[in-house]
Amino acid sequence: MQVYLISSMIQVRGLVKAFGFQTALRGIDLDVAEGEFLTVLGPNGAGKTTLLRVLATLSKPTAGVVRVGGYDAAKAGAQVRQLIGLVSHQTLLYSQLSAKDNLRFFGRLYEVADLEARIAEVLDVVGLAARRTDQVRTFSRGMQQRLTIARAILHRPRVMFFDEPYTGLDQQAASVLNKILSDVAAAGRTVLLTTHNLERGLVGCDRVVVIKRGKVVHTVDRAEIDPASFGELYQDVTQ
């Protein structure tokens, strides 16, 4: 019998994801409490991005159950997407549109109230107000990632997913991301961040889960972690 924690915002039981003969996730069980900041650590190829894509309804599980905000992610994708914001190393922006028009398109899909004011607000947060009418194709990689962050927070989601979000960021974009992570956590939103970078992953989180070859191999509260000794453990369990 599957048991779910009532207070959990994210609930995963027996999650398997296969691509043909290759299995990326091998029976993941996971609970993330409402308002918790969870970091999922693991080497490249561990299954971190696959896990996040299933949680974000971008990929359906081969087996198992995933619930976000009480909704079955495989059966109620529209309801789940209303609850979540996603920041990935793939920006998925419309390059021929301006920064403002990218956000307007997204905001209309999510029926964001007072949309124009909210667009101005999030562009200011990520430091792109002066470039709001410029086409995204003229933006640097770091600027595009900042716009992706603005899009992810536009509809004030209850859950934020960050998939290797520091990849390719310049210093300014990384600083913006650090502040966003701090702000959304302080606002009581649920945060799940995936990374292979131990130093980045430990900043601000409440708990750490380590996955390897599609399985959870270690979980620990952040307060119990000594970075030096945990670094050695992380190296051991991911080799």
C-alpha atoms as a PDB file:
ATOM      1  CA  MET A   1       0.000   0.000   0.000  1.00  0.00           C
ATOM      2  CA  GLN A   2       1.315   3.455  -0.927  1.00  0.00           C
ATOM      3  CA  VAL A   3       1.427   5.949   1.942  1.00  0.00           C
ATOM      4  CA  TYR A   4       1.587   9.711   1.338  1.00  0.00           C
ATOM      5  CA  LEU A   5       2.521  12.380   3.830  1.00  0.00           C
ATOM      6  CA  ILE A   6      -0.388  14.809   4.046  1.00  0.00           C
ATOM      7  CA  SER A   7       1.922  17.795   4.553  1.00  0.00           C
ATOM      8  CA  SER A   8       4.011  16.989   1.475  1.00  0.00           C
ATOM      9  CA  MET A   9       3.853  19.280  -1.536  1.00  0.00           C
ATOM     10  CA  ILE A  10       5.720  16.741  -3.692  1.00  0.00           C
ATOM     11  CA  GLN A  11       5.153  13.007  -3.274  1.00  0.00           C
ATOM     12  CA  VAL A  12       6.921  10.365  -5.336  1.00  0.00           C
ATOM     13  CA  ARG A  13       6.452   6.616  -4.982  1.00  0.00           C
ATOM     14  CA  GLY A  14       8.177   3.903  -6.971  1.00  0.00           C
ATOM     15  CA  LEU A  15       9.067   6.235  -9.833  1.00  0.00           C
ATOM     16  CA  VAL A  16      10.545   4.477 -12.839  1.00  0.00           C
ATOM     17  CA  LYS A  17      11.390   6.181 -16.119  1.00  0.00           C
ATOM     18  CA  ALA A  18      12.745   4.195 -19.035  1.00  0.00           C
ATOM     19  CA  PHE A  19      13.780   5.254 -22.515  1.00  0.00           C
ATOM     20  CA  GLY A  20      13.615   2.110 -24.588  1.00  0.00           C
ATOM     21  CA  PHE A  21      16.019  -0.361 -23.006  1.00  0.00           C
ATOM     22  CA  GLN A  22      17.685   2.327 -20.872  1.00  0.00           C
ATOM     23  CA  THR A  23      16.263   3.018 -17.410  1.00  0.00           C
ATOM     24  CA  ALA A  24      16.990   6.505 -16.073  1.00  0.00           C
ATOM     25  CA  LEU A  25      15.020   6.328 -12.795  1.00  0.00           C
ATOM     26  CA  ARG A  26      14.858   3.096 -10.796  1.00  0.00           C
ATOM     27  CA  GLY A  27      12.179   3.224  -8.128  1.00  0.00           C
ATOM     28  CA  ILE A  28      12.551   6.718  -6.637  1.00  0.00           C
ATOM     29  CA  ASP A  29      10.638   7.451  -3.411  1.00  0.00           C
ATOM     30  CA  LEU A  30      10.641  11.078  -2.306  1.00  0.00           C
ATOM     31  CA  ASP A  31       8.643  13.537  -0.185  1.00  0.00           C
ATOM     32  CA  VAL A  32       9.164  17.291  -0.175  1.00  0.00           C
ATOM     33  CA  ALA A  33       7.254  19.230   2.468  1.00  0.00           C
ATOM     34  CA  GLU A  34       5.415  22.427   1.663  1.00  0.00           C
ATOM     35  CA  GLY A  35       7.881  25.300   2.062  1.00  0.00           C
ATOM     36  CA  GLU A  36      10.926  23.020   2.057  1.00  0.00           C
ATOM     37  CA  PHE A  37      14.048  23.738  -0.014  1.00  0.00           C
ATOM     38  CA  LEU A  38      15.417  20.422  -1.263  1.00  0.00           C
ATOM     39  CA  THR A  39      18.633  20.016  -3.236  1.00  0.00           C
ATOM     40  CA  VAL A  40      19.031  16.901  -5.378  1.00  0.00           C
ATOM     41  CA  LEU A  41      22.728  16.236  -5.904  1.00  0.00           C
ATOM     42  CA  GLY A  42      24.286  13.759  -8.270  1.00  0.00           C
ATOM     43  CA  PRO A  43      26.848  13.377 -11.052  1.00  0.00           C
ATOM     44  CA  ASN A  44      25.994  13.960 -14.682  1.00  0.00           C
ATOM     45  CA  GLY A  45      23.773  11.139 -15.907  1.00  0.00           C
ATOM     46  CA  ALA A  46      22.425  10.311 -12.438  1.00  0.00           C
ATOM     47  CA  GLY A  47      18.825  11.022 -13.463  1.00  0.00           C
ATOM     48  CA  LYS A  48      18.396  14.483 -11.912  1.00  0.00           C
ATOM     49  CA  THR A  49      16.990  16.173 -15.006  1.00  0.00           C
ATOM     50  CA  THR A  50      14.752  13.204 -15.795  1.00  0.00           C
ATOM     51  CA  LEU A  51      13.330  13.374 -12.268  1.00  0.00           C
ATOM     52  CA  LEU A  52      12.618  17.068 -12.557  1.00  0.00           C
ATOM     53  CA  ARG A  53      11.032  16.690 -16.012  1.00  0.00           C
ATOM     54  CA  VAL A  54       8.615  14.103 -14.638  1.00  0.00           C
ATOM     55  CA  LEU A  55       7.773  16.348 -11.672  1.00  0.00           C
ATOM     56  CA  ALA A  56       7.181  19.269 -14.040  1.00  0.00           C
ATOM     57  CA  THR A  57       4.863  17.153 -16.277  1.00  0.00           C
ATOM     58  CA  LEU A  58       7.271  17.406 -19.216  1.00  0.00           C
ATOM     59  CA  SER A  59       7.700  13.620 -19.234  1.00  0.00           C
ATOM     60  CA  LYS A  60       5.378  10.831 -18.112  1.00  0.00           C
ATOM     61  CA  PRO A  61       6.581   8.132 -15.726  1.00  0.00           C
ATOM     62  CA  THR A  62       6.979   4.587 -16.957  1.00  0.00           C
ATOM     63  CA  ALA A  63       5.806   3.345 -13.557  1.00  0.00           C
ATOM     64  CA  GLY A  64       5.055   4.771 -10.138  1.00  0.00           C
ATOM     65  CA  VAL A  65       3.072   7.769  -8.928  1.00  0.00           C
ATOM     66  CA  VAL A  66       4.025  11.447  -8.754  1.00  0.00           C
ATOM     67  CA  ARG A  67       1.867  14.028  -6.987  1.00  0.00           C
ATOM     68  CA  VAL A  68       2.465  17.773  -6.848  1.00  0.00           C
ATOM     69  CA  GLY A  69       0.151  19.827  -4.663  1.00  0.00           C
ATOM     70  CA  GLY A  70      -2.055  16.760  -4.350  1.00  0.00           C
ATOM     71  CA  TYR A  71      -2.477  16.369  -8.120  1.00  0.00           C
ATOM     72  CA  ASP A  72      -1.348  13.311 -10.037  1.00  0.00           C
ATOM     73  CA  ALA A  73       1.285  14.735 -12.402  1.00  0.00           C
ATOM     74  CA  ALA A  74       0.539  12.124 -15.080  1.00  0.00           C
ATOM     75  CA  LYS A  75      -3.229  12.722 -15.062  1.00  0.00           C
ATOM     76  CA  ALA A  76      -3.659  16.365 -14.053  1.00  0.00           C
ATOM     77  CA  GLY A  77      -0.797  18.073 -15.837  1.00  0.00           C
ATOM     78  CA  ALA A  78      -2.675  21.351 -16.376  1.00  0.00           C
ATOM     79  CA  GLN A  79      -3.386  21.729 -12.664  1.00  0.00           C
ATOM     80  CA  VAL A  80       0.213  20.901 -11.745  1.00  0.00           C
ATOM     81  CA  ARG A  81       1.591  23.438 -14.234  1.00  0.00           C
ATOM     82  CA  GLN A  82      -0.492  26.164 -12.597  1.00  0.00           C
ATOM     83  CA  LEU A  83       1.394  25.489  -9.356  1.00  0.00           C
ATOM     84  CA  ILE A  84       4.959  25.360 -10.626  1.00  0.00           C
ATOM     85  CA  GLY A  85       7.685  27.558 -12.067  1.00  0.00           C
ATOM     86  CA  LEU A  86      10.628  26.043 -13.922  1.00  0.00           C
ATOM     87  CA  VAL A  87      14.156  27.325 -14.449  1.00  0.00           C
ATOM     88  CA  SER A  88      16.261  25.047 -16.630  1.00  0.00           C
ATOM     89  CA  HIS A  89      19.599  25.352 -18.396  1.00  0.00           C
ATOM     90  CA  GLN A  90      17.464  25.292 -21.563  1.00  0.00           C
ATOM     91  CA  THR A  91      15.780  28.691 -21.782  1.00  0.00           C
ATOM     92  CA  LEU A  92      12.992  27.784 -24.252  1.00  0.00           C
ATOM     93  CA  LEU A  93      12.422  31.444 -25.086  1.00  0.00           C
ATOM     94  CA  TYR A  94      11.050  32.915 -28.322  1.00  0.00           C
ATOM     95  CA  SER A  95      14.143  34.564 -29.762  1.00  0.00           C
ATOM     96  CA  GLN A  96      12.304  36.854 -32.192  1.00  0.00           C
ATOM     97  CA  LEU A  97      10.089  38.301 -29.479  1.00  0.00           C
ATOM     98  CA  SER A  98      11.082  40.982 -27.016  1.00  0.00           C
ATOM     99  CA  ALA A  99      11.620  40.237 -23.348  1.00  0.00           C
ATOM    100  CA  LYS A 100       8.294  41.865 -22.536  1.00  0.00           C
ATOM    101  CA  ASP A 101       6.418  39.937 -25.241  1.00  0.00           C
ATOM    102  CA  ASN A 102       7.874  36.616 -24.062  1.00  0.00           C
ATOM    103  CA  LEU A 103       6.512  37.321 -20.593  1.00  0.00           C
ATOM    104  CA  ARG A 104       3.197  38.621 -21.917  1.00  0.00           C
ATOM    105  CA  PHE A 105       2.647  35.420 -23.911  1.00  0.00           C
ATOM    106  CA  PHE A 106       3.366  33.281 -20.854  1.00  0.00           C
ATOM    107  CA  GLY A 107       1.348  35.479 -18.525  1.00  0.00           C
ATOM    108  CA  ARG A 108      -1.755  35.249 -20.706  1.00  0.00           C
ATOM    109  CA  LEU A 109      -1.522  31.456 -20.684  1.00  0.00           C
ATOM    110  CA  TYR A 110      -1.546  31.572 -16.887  1.00  0.00           C
ATOM    111  CA  GLU A 111      -4.111  34.386 -16.644  1.00  0.00           C
ATOM    112  CA  VAL A 112      -1.810  36.495 -14.472  1.00  0.00           C
ATOM    113  CA  ALA A 113      -3.684  39.364 -12.826  1.00  0.00           C
ATOM    114  CA  ASP A 114      -2.475  42.926 -13.565  1.00  0.00           C
ATOM    115  CA  LEU A 115      -0.158  41.391 -16.127  1.00  0.00           C
ATOM    116  CA  GLU A 116       1.597  44.514 -17.417  1.00  0.00           C
ATOM    117  CA  ALA A 117       2.450  45.670 -13.909  1.00  0.00           C
ATOM    118  CA  ARG A 118       3.662  42.202 -12.983  1.00  0.00           C
ATOM    119  CA  ILE A 119       5.847  42.038 -16.123  1.00  0.00           C
ATOM    120  CA  ALA A 120       7.451  45.357 -15.210  1.00  0.00           C
ATOM    121  CA  GLU A 121       8.003  44.105 -11.656  1.00  0.00           C
ATOM    122  CA  VAL A 122       9.755  40.833 -12.563  1.00  0.00           C
ATOM    123  CA  LEU A 123      11.884  42.478 -15.269  1.00  0.00           C
ATOM    124  CA  ASP A 124      13.099  44.914 -12.640  1.00  0.00           C
ATOM    125  CA  VAL A 125      13.822  42.034 -10.240  1.00  0.00           C
ATOM    126  CA  VAL A 126      16.106  40.324 -12.775  1.00  0.00           C
ATOM    127  CA  GLY A 127      17.735  43.552 -13.964  1.00  0.00           C
ATOM    128  CA  LEU A 128      16.269  43.600 -17.483  1.00  0.00           C
ATOM    129  CA  ALA A 129      13.896  46.559 -17.289  1.00  0.00           C
ATOM    130  CA  ALA A 130      16.083  48.614 -19.633  1.00  0.00           C
ATOM    131  CA  ARG A 131      16.053  45.812 -22.231  1.00  0.00           C
ATOM    132  CA  ARG A 132      12.354  45.030 -22.041  1.00  0.00           C
ATOM    133  CA  THR A 133      11.618  45.888 -25.699  1.00  0.00           C
ATOM    134  CA  ASP A 134      14.750  44.241 -27.165  1.00  0.00           C
ATOM    135  CA  GLN A 135      14.510  40.953 -29.023  1.00  0.00           C
ATOM    136  CA  VAL A 136      15.754  37.993 -27.011  1.00  0.00           C
ATOM    137  CA  ARG A 137      18.092  36.955 -29.849  1.00  0.00           C
ATOM    138  CA  THR A 138      20.232  39.991 -28.966  1.00  0.00           C
ATOM    139  CA  PHE A 139      20.648  38.846 -25.349  1.00  0.00           C
ATOM    140  CA  SER A 140      23.700  37.129 -23.912  1.00  0.00           C
ATOM    141  CA  ARG A 141      23.338  33.671 -22.402  1.00  0.00           C
ATOM    142  CA  GLY A 142      23.240  35.144 -18.901  1.00  0.00           C
ATOM    143  CA  MET A 143      20.555  37.674 -19.868  1.00  0.00           C
ATOM    144  CA  GLN A 144      18.427  34.942 -21.423  1.00  0.00           C
ATOM    145  CA  GLN A 145      18.683  32.927 -18.232  1.00  0.00           C
ATOM    146  CA  ARG A 146      17.646  35.956 -16.208  1.00  0.00           C
ATOM    147  CA  LEU A 147      14.580  36.297 -18.437  1.00  0.00           C
ATOM    148  CA  THR A 148      13.844  32.609 -17.857  1.00  0.00           C
ATOM    149  CA  ILE A 149      13.907  33.297 -14.118  1.00  0.00           C
ATOM    150  CA  ALA A 150      11.502  36.203 -14.615  1.00  0.00           C
ATOM    151  CA  ARG A 151       9.153  33.932 -16.559  1.00  0.00           C
ATOM    152  CA  ALA A 152       9.310  31.243 -13.862  1.00  0.00           C
ATOM    153  CA  ILE A 153       8.257  33.612 -11.057  1.00  0.00           C
ATOM    154  CA  LEU A 154       5.765  35.647 -13.118  1.00  0.00           C
ATOM    155  CA  HIS A 155       2.652  33.750 -11.943  1.00  0.00           C
ATOM    156  CA  ARG A 156       3.825  33.492  -8.319  1.00  0.00           C
ATOM    157  CA  PRO A 157       4.048  29.694  -8.267  1.00  0.00           C
ATOM    158  CA  ARG A 158       3.836  27.692  -5.056  1.00  0.00           C
ATOM    159  CA  VAL A 159       6.570  25.312  -6.242  1.00  0.00           C
ATOM    160  CA  MET A 160       9.844  26.226  -7.967  1.00  0.00           C
ATOM    161  CA  PHE A 161      11.980  23.759  -9.918  1.00  0.00           C
ATOM    162  CA  PHE A 162      15.581  24.672 -10.754  1.00  0.00           C
ATOM    163  CA  ASP A 163      17.423  22.230 -13.030  1.00  0.00           C
ATOM    164  CA  GLU A 164      21.194  22.900 -13.065  1.00  0.00           C
ATOM    165  CA  PRO A 165      20.275  26.600 -13.157  1.00  0.00           C
ATOM    166  CA  TYR A 166      23.844  27.916 -12.810  1.00  0.00           C
ATOM    167  CA  THR A 167      25.003  26.318 -16.061  1.00  0.00           C
ATOM    168  CA  GLY A 168      26.517  28.972 -18.322  1.00  0.00           C
ATOM    169  CA  LEU A 169      25.600  31.910 -16.091  1.00  0.00           C
ATOM    170  CA  ASP A 170      27.701  35.032 -15.871  1.00  0.00           C
ATOM    171  CA  GLN A 171      28.400  36.571 -12.461  1.00  0.00           C
ATOM    172  CA  GLN A 172      25.472  38.995 -12.618  1.00  0.00           C
ATOM    173  CA  ALA A 173      22.999  36.284 -13.595  1.00  0.00           C
ATOM    174  CA  ALA A 174      24.324  34.003 -10.838  1.00  0.00           C
ATOM    175  CA  SER A 175      23.832  36.803  -8.300  1.00  0.00           C
ATOM    176  CA  VAL A 176      20.260  37.320  -9.525  1.00  0.00           C
ATOM    177  CA  LEU A 177      19.600  33.597  -9.196  1.00  0.00           C
ATOM    178  CA  ASN A 178      21.033  33.511  -5.663  1.00  0.00           C
ATOM    179  CA  LYS A 179      18.665  36.296  -4.628  1.00  0.00           C
ATOM    180  CA  ILE A 180      15.664  34.636  -6.291  1.00  0.00           C
ATOM    181  CA  LEU A 181      16.414  31.369  -4.497  1.00  0.00           C
ATOM    182  CA  SER A 182      16.678  33.204  -1.200  1.00  0.00           C
ATOM    183  CA  ASP A 183      13.471  35.175  -1.819  1.00  0.00           C
ATOM    184  CA  VAL A 184      11.296  32.253  -2.881  1.00  0.00           C
ATOM    185  CA  ALA A 185      12.502  30.178   0.060  1.00  0.00           C
ATOM    186  CA  ALA A 186      11.830  33.072   2.467  1.00  0.00           C
ATOM    187  CA  ALA A 187       8.331  33.425   0.998  1.00  0.00           C
ATOM    188  CA  GLY A 188       7.546  29.857   2.038  1.00  0.00           C
ATOM    189  CA  ARG A 189       7.486  28.380  -1.449  1.00  0.00           C
ATOM    190  CA  THR A 190       8.603  24.826  -2.054  1.00  0.00           C
ATOM    191  CA  VAL A 191      11.929  24.666  -3.904  1.00  0.00           C
ATOM    192  CA  LEU A 192      13.601  21.704  -5.603  1.00  0.00           C
ATOM    193  CA  LEU A 193      17.020  22.355  -7.104  1.00  0.00           C
ATOM    194  CA  THR A 194      19.113  19.819  -9.017  1.00  0.00           C
ATOM    195  CA  THR A 195      22.853  20.224  -9.427  1.00  0.00           C
ATOM    196  CA  HIS A 196      26.091  18.280  -9.630  1.00  0.00           C
ATOM    197  CA  ASN A 197      27.908  21.161  -7.892  1.00  0.00           C
ATOM    198  CA  LEU A 198      28.208  20.469  -4.160  1.00  0.00           C
ATOM    199  CA  GLU A 199      29.121  24.053  -3.218  1.00  0.00           C
ATOM    200  CA  ARG A 200      26.131  25.535  -5.044  1.00  0.00           C
ATOM    201  CA  GLY A 201      23.785  22.825  -3.864  1.00  0.00           C
ATOM    202  CA  LEU A 202      24.350  23.346  -0.145  1.00  0.00           C
ATOM    203  CA  VAL A 203      23.563  27.075  -0.148  1.00  0.00           C
ATOM    204  CA  GLY A 204      20.208  27.853   1.421  1.00  0.00           C
ATOM    205  CA  CYS A 205      18.707  24.364   1.300  1.00  0.00           C
ATOM    206  CA  ASP A 206      16.942  22.515   4.129  1.00  0.00           C
ATOM    207  CA  ARG A 207      17.761  18.980   3.008  1.00  0.00           C
ATOM    208  CA  VAL A 208      19.952  17.166   0.504  1.00  0.00           C
ATOM    209  CA  VAL A 209      19.183  14.020  -1.474  1.00  0.00           C
ATOM    210  CA  VAL A 210      21.944  12.334  -3.466  1.00  0.00           C
ATOM    211  CA  ILE A 211      20.999  10.171  -6.436  1.00  0.00           C
ATOM    212  CA  LYS A 212      23.185   7.868  -8.476  1.00  0.00           C
ATOM    213  CA  ARG A 213      22.200   5.795 -11.502  1.00  0.00           C
ATOM    214  CA  GLY A 214      18.552   6.610 -10.993  1.00  0.00           C
ATOM    215  CA  LYS A 215      18.342   5.709  -7.289  1.00  0.00           C
ATOM    216  CA  VAL A 216      18.386   7.665  -4.032  1.00  0.00           C
ATOM    217  CA  VAL A 217      21.616   6.682  -2.283  1.00  0.00           C
ATOM    218  CA  HIS A 218      21.771   9.236   0.544  1.00  0.00           C
ATOM    219  CA  THR A 219      19.557  11.810   2.260  1.00  0.00           C
ATOM    220  CA  VAL A 220      20.474  14.213   5.074  1.00  0.00           C
ATOM    221  CA  ASP A 221      19.279  17.449   6.671  1.00  0.00           C
ATOM    222  CA  ARG A 222      21.432  20.458   5.799  1.00  0.00           C
ATOM    223  CA  ALA A 223      21.922  21.300   9.485  1.00  0.00           C
ATOM    224  CA  GLU A 224      23.701  17.975   9.947  1.00  0.00           C
ATOM    225  CA  ILE A 225      26.152  18.507   7.093  1.00  0.00           C
ATOM    226  CA  ASP A 226      29.770  19.472   7.555  1.00  0.00           C
ATOM    227  CA  PRO A 227      30.752  20.564   4.015  1.00  0.00           C
ATOM    228  CA  ALA A 228      34.243  19.074   4.191  1.00  0.00           C
ATOM    229  CA  SER A 229      33.226  15.613   5.370  1.00  0.00           C
ATOM    230  CA  PHE A 230      30.094  15.602   3.241  1.00  0.00           C
ATOM    231  CA  GLY A 231      32.240  16.415   0.229  1.00  0.00           C
ATOM    232  CA  GLU A 232      34.186  13.211   0.811  1.00  0.00           C
ATOM    233  CA  LEU A 233      30.964  11.226   1.243  1.00  0.00           C
ATOM    234  CA  TYR A 234      29.544  12.757  -1.932  1.00  0.00           C
ATOM    235  CA  GLN A 235      32.637  11.735  -3.845  1.00  0.00           C
ATOM    236  CA  ASP A 236      32.421   8.196  -2.445  1.00  0.00           C
ATOM    237  CA  VAL A 237      28.746   7.563  -3.158  1.00  0.00           C
ATOM    238  CA  THR A 238      28.803   9.026  -6.656  1.00  0.00           C
ATOM    239  CA  GLN A 239      31.899   7.279  -7.961  1.00  0.00           C
END
